């Protein structure tokens, strides 16, 4: 599943027409290219982690903790890959391992995904494209806590890459995460990896779970 085989996209056309936000997408036959960094990030070094702030405008921002072993990437993304209102970032390991994390913050003005069943329906629809070619053969949704909110995560392993040597940006597994963060915002994230039991995967999940939302009047 090469990153650059096809432009990124989702099987979410019908959902988008109904007003549902896009998610961090991967086509069934290809993981997407790096997401363009749209948000302004301010980095402060503190010991062995970086506290990163993503400015969303209107007094809203998101903070997350970035280990020193990871860094932000600004590799360009096709202009139609994400909605214009999305704030997206991509992180990669400094070691150059075959791991990456994409995070997008999207508006949810009607807060449709604050409803657990609406969110679950969207996750199932957004990820069904990966089922047929996966080792798992189904979307096994797990609850995930991000920024004090609960959402869903689902992992797929590419059956075509099992047992094969690692190849840069041809990821063997993905974990897709979807969380209604509050403040009329939604988080979609994708962890790309060759080893869901590895250190880099655990660090990527920790980065995602460290995310917190700051609203006007609540910033430190």
Protein backbone atom coordinates (compact mmCIF):
# COMPACT_ATOMS: atom_id res chain seq x y z
CA UNK A 1 0.00 0.00 0.00
CA UNK A 2 2.23 2.75 -1.26
CA UNK A 3 1.65 6.26 -0.03
CA UNK A 4 2.00 7.83 -3.48
CA UNK A 5 0.13 5.30 -5.64
CA UNK A 6 -3.06 7.40 -5.64
CA UNK A 7 -4.30 10.70 -4.34
CA UNK A 8 -5.86 10.45 -0.88
CA UNK A 9 -9.60 10.14 -0.56
CA UNK A 10 -12.47 8.48 1.28
CA UNK A 11 -15.48 6.41 0.53
CA UNK A 12 -17.47 9.10 2.34
CA UNK A 13 -19.15 10.91 -0.52
CA UNK A 14 -22.66 10.13 0.68
CA UNK A 15 -21.73 11.13 4.23
CA UNK A 16 -20.19 14.40 3.07
CA UNK A 17 -23.32 15.23 1.12
CA UNK A 18 -25.23 14.72 4.38
CA UNK A 19 -22.94 17.22 6.07
CA UNK A 20 -20.65 14.75 7.85
CA UNK A 21 -17.01 15.79 8.06
CA UNK A 22 -14.24 14.02 6.25
CA UNK A 23 -11.89 11.85 8.23
CA UNK A 24 -8.22 11.03 7.92
CA UNK A 25 -8.62 8.98 4.80
CA UNK A 26 -6.86 6.10 3.16
CA UNK A 27 -8.03 4.54 -0.04
CA UNK A 28 -8.40 0.83 0.04
CA UNK A 29 -5.35 0.30 -2.16
CA UNK A 30 -3.16 3.08 -0.86
CA UNK A 31 -2.27 4.91 2.32
CA UNK A 32 -2.40 8.69 1.75
CA UNK A 33 0.49 11.08 1.25
CA UNK A 34 1.56 13.32 4.07
CA UNK A 35 -0.94 15.89 5.21
CA UNK A 36 -0.11 19.53 4.63
CA UNK A 37 0.49 21.38 7.86
CA UNK A 38 -2.30 23.96 7.85
CA UNK A 39 -2.17 24.91 11.47
CA UNK A 40 0.29 27.31 13.01
CA UNK A 41 2.34 25.42 15.58
CA UNK A 42 4.41 26.90 18.36
CA UNK A 43 6.96 24.56 19.90
CA UNK A 44 8.44 24.72 23.40
CA UNK A 45 11.19 22.30 24.44
CA UNK A 46 10.74 20.81 27.87
CA UNK A 47 13.02 17.94 28.86
CA UNK A 48 12.49 15.06 26.45
CA UNK A 49 9.17 16.20 24.99
CA UNK A 50 7.89 19.05 22.86
CA UNK A 51 4.62 20.75 23.83
CA UNK A 52 3.05 21.72 20.54
CA UNK A 53 0.19 24.17 20.09
CA UNK A 54 -2.05 24.12 17.02
CA UNK A 55 -3.90 27.41 16.59
CA UNK A 56 -7.43 26.86 15.30
CA UNK A 57 -8.45 30.51 15.30
CA UNK A 58 -11.31 32.22 17.15
CA UNK A 59 -9.46 31.66 20.42
CA UNK A 60 -9.44 27.88 20.05
CA UNK A 61 -6.29 25.76 20.01
CA UNK A 62 -5.13 22.20 20.51
CA UNK A 63 -2.08 21.16 22.50
CA UNK A 64 -0.28 17.85 22.31
CA UNK A 65 2.90 16.32 23.70
CA UNK A 66 5.52 15.35 21.11
CA UNK A 67 8.41 13.10 22.20
CA UNK A 68 11.86 14.21 21.14
CA UNK A 69 12.04 11.12 18.94
CA UNK A 70 9.27 12.54 16.71
CA UNK A 71 9.07 15.66 14.55
CA UNK A 72 6.52 17.55 12.47
CA UNK A 73 6.60 17.09 8.71
CA UNK A 74 5.34 19.57 6.13
CA UNK A 75 5.38 17.33 3.05
CA UNK A 76 2.76 18.83 0.67
CA UNK A 77 -0.65 17.28 0.17
CA UNK A 78 -2.90 17.71 -2.90
CA UNK A 79 -5.13 20.71 -2.28
CA UNK A 80 -8.35 18.68 -2.49
CA UNK A 81 -7.27 16.02 -0.03
CA UNK A 82 -8.82 17.65 3.04
CA UNK A 83 -11.65 20.14 3.56
CA UNK A 84 -10.54 23.76 3.56
CA UNK A 85 -11.71 24.15 7.16
CA UNK A 86 -9.51 21.30 8.42
CA UNK A 87 -6.35 21.91 10.46
CA UNK A 88 -4.02 19.01 9.76
CA UNK A 89 -0.56 17.95 10.86
CA UNK A 90 1.73 15.03 10.12
CA UNK A 91 4.38 13.68 12.46
CA UNK A 92 7.16 11.21 11.65
CA UNK A 93 9.98 9.61 13.64
CA UNK A 94 13.39 11.27 13.65
CA UNK A 95 14.95 7.83 13.16
CA UNK A 96 13.23 7.48 9.80
CA UNK A 97 11.37 4.32 10.78
CA UNK A 98 8.31 3.40 8.75
CA UNK A 99 5.87 5.09 11.11
CA UNK A 100 3.75 8.23 10.81
CA UNK A 101 0.85 9.97 12.53
CA UNK A 102 -1.72 12.20 10.82
CA UNK A 103 -4.06 14.35 12.89
CA UNK A 104 -6.86 16.53 11.53
CA UNK A 105 -9.13 18.85 13.49
CA UNK A 106 -12.41 19.44 11.68
CA UNK A 107 -15.47 21.53 12.46
CA UNK A 108 -18.64 19.79 13.63
CA UNK A 109 -20.91 22.80 13.87
CA UNK A 110 -24.04 20.80 14.61
CA UNK A 111 -22.14 18.52 17.01
CA UNK A 112 -23.63 15.49 15.28
CA UNK A 113 -20.72 13.35 16.37
CA UNK A 114 -21.08 14.18 20.02
CA UNK A 115 -23.75 11.49 19.73
CA UNK A 116 -22.09 8.09 20.19
CA UNK A 117 -24.27 6.27 17.66
CA UNK A 118 -23.75 8.90 14.97
CA UNK A 119 -20.00 8.73 15.51
CA UNK A 120 -19.99 4.94 15.43
CA UNK A 121 -21.99 4.90 12.19
CA UNK A 122 -19.58 7.30 10.55
CA UNK A 123 -16.52 5.30 11.67
CA UNK A 124 -17.99 2.07 10.34
CA UNK A 125 -18.75 3.70 6.99
CA UNK A 126 -15.38 5.44 6.73
CA UNK A 127 -13.39 2.28 7.41
CA UNK A 128 -15.39 -0.37 5.57
CA UNK A 129 -13.15 0.14 2.53
CA UNK A 130 -10.24 -1.55 4.35
CA UNK A 131 -12.02 -4.70 5.51
CA UNK A 132 -11.69 -6.90 2.41
CA UNK A 133 -7.89 -6.62 2.13
CA UNK A 134 -7.20 -6.83 5.84
CA UNK A 135 -6.01 -9.68 8.00
CA UNK A 136 -8.76 -8.84 10.49
CA UNK A 137 -11.57 -9.25 7.96
CA UNK A 138 -13.80 -6.92 9.95
CA UNK A 139 -13.86 -3.51 11.60
CA UNK A 140 -13.29 -4.20 15.29
CA UNK A 141 -14.01 -0.85 16.90
CA UNK A 142 -12.37 -0.06 20.24
CA UNK A 143 -13.06 2.89 22.50
CA UNK A 144 -10.30 5.48 22.78
CA UNK A 145 -9.93 8.47 25.13
CA UNK A 146 -8.56 11.67 23.63
CA UNK A 147 -8.63 15.07 25.29
CA UNK A 148 -11.09 13.86 27.92
CA UNK A 149 -13.51 12.68 25.23
CA UNK A 150 -14.33 9.15 24.13
CA UNK A 151 -14.25 8.01 20.51
CA UNK A 152 -13.45 4.97 18.44
CA UNK A 153 -10.30 3.42 16.99
CA UNK A 154 -9.97 0.53 14.55
CA UNK A 155 -6.85 -1.24 13.26
CA UNK A 156 -6.33 -2.97 9.92
CA UNK A 157 -3.36 -5.08 8.83
CA UNK A 158 -2.66 -5.35 5.09
CA UNK A 159 -2.88 -9.07 4.27
CA UNK A 160 -0.77 -8.51 1.14
CA UNK A 161 2.21 -7.29 3.16
CA UNK A 162 2.31 -9.88 5.93
CA UNK A 163 5.74 -11.50 6.14
CA UNK A 164 7.27 -9.17 3.57
CA UNK A 165 10.27 -6.87 4.20
CA UNK A 166 9.57 -3.34 5.36
CA UNK A 167 9.37 -0.81 2.55
CA UNK A 168 9.42 2.93 3.19
CA UNK A 169 5.94 4.48 3.19
CA UNK A 170 4.37 1.16 2.23
CA UNK A 171 2.74 0.60 5.62
CA UNK A 172 1.68 -2.82 6.85
CA UNK A 173 -0.96 -1.57 9.28
CA UNK A 174 -3.08 1.46 10.10
CA UNK A 175 -5.11 2.54 13.10
CA UNK A 176 -7.89 5.02 12.35
CA UNK A 177 -9.22 7.11 15.25
CA UNK A 178 -12.28 9.35 15.45
CA UNK A 179 -13.23 11.50 18.45
CA UNK A 180 -15.76 14.26 19.03
CA UNK A 181 -13.54 16.62 20.99
CA UNK A 182 -16.09 19.21 22.10
CA UNK A 183 -16.17 22.88 21.20
CA UNK A 184 -17.90 21.90 17.92
CA UNK A 185 -14.73 20.12 16.81
CA UNK A 186 -13.89 16.61 15.73
CA UNK A 187 -10.52 14.83 15.65
CA UNK A 188 -9.65 12.26 13.03
CA UNK A 189 -6.26 10.60 13.16
CA UNK A 190 -4.42 7.78 11.45
CA UNK A 191 -1.37 5.94 12.74
CA UNK A 192 0.68 4.27 9.99
CA UNK A 193 3.15 1.57 10.98
CA UNK A 194 4.77 -1.76 10.20
CA UNK A 195 4.51 -2.94 13.81
CA UNK A 196 1.48 -2.25 16.00
CA UNK A 197 3.41 -3.77 18.90
CA UNK A 198 6.44 -1.55 18.42
CA UNK A 199 7.77 1.43 20.36
CA UNK A 200 7.00 3.96 17.62
CA UNK A 201 3.37 2.86 17.45
CA UNK A 202 3.02 3.20 21.22
CA UNK A 203 4.56 6.68 21.05
CA UNK A 204 2.19 7.71 18.25
CA UNK A 205 -0.79 6.58 20.31
CA UNK A 206 0.56 8.51 23.30
CA UNK A 207 0.88 11.66 21.17
CA UNK A 208 -2.72 11.32 20.08
CA UNK A 209 -4.00 10.68 23.59
CA UNK A 210 -2.08 13.70 24.91
CA UNK A 211 -4.17 16.04 22.77
CA UNK A 212 -6.22 18.62 24.66
CA UNK A 213 -8.55 21.39 23.55
CA UNK A 214 -8.26 24.98 24.75
CA UNK A 215 -11.29 27.22 24.35
CA UNK A 216 -11.45 31.01 24.81
CA UNK A 217 -10.94 31.83 28.48
CA UNK A 218 -9.46 28.44 29.34
CA UNK A 219 -5.91 28.84 27.96
CA UNK A 220 -3.08 28.67 30.44
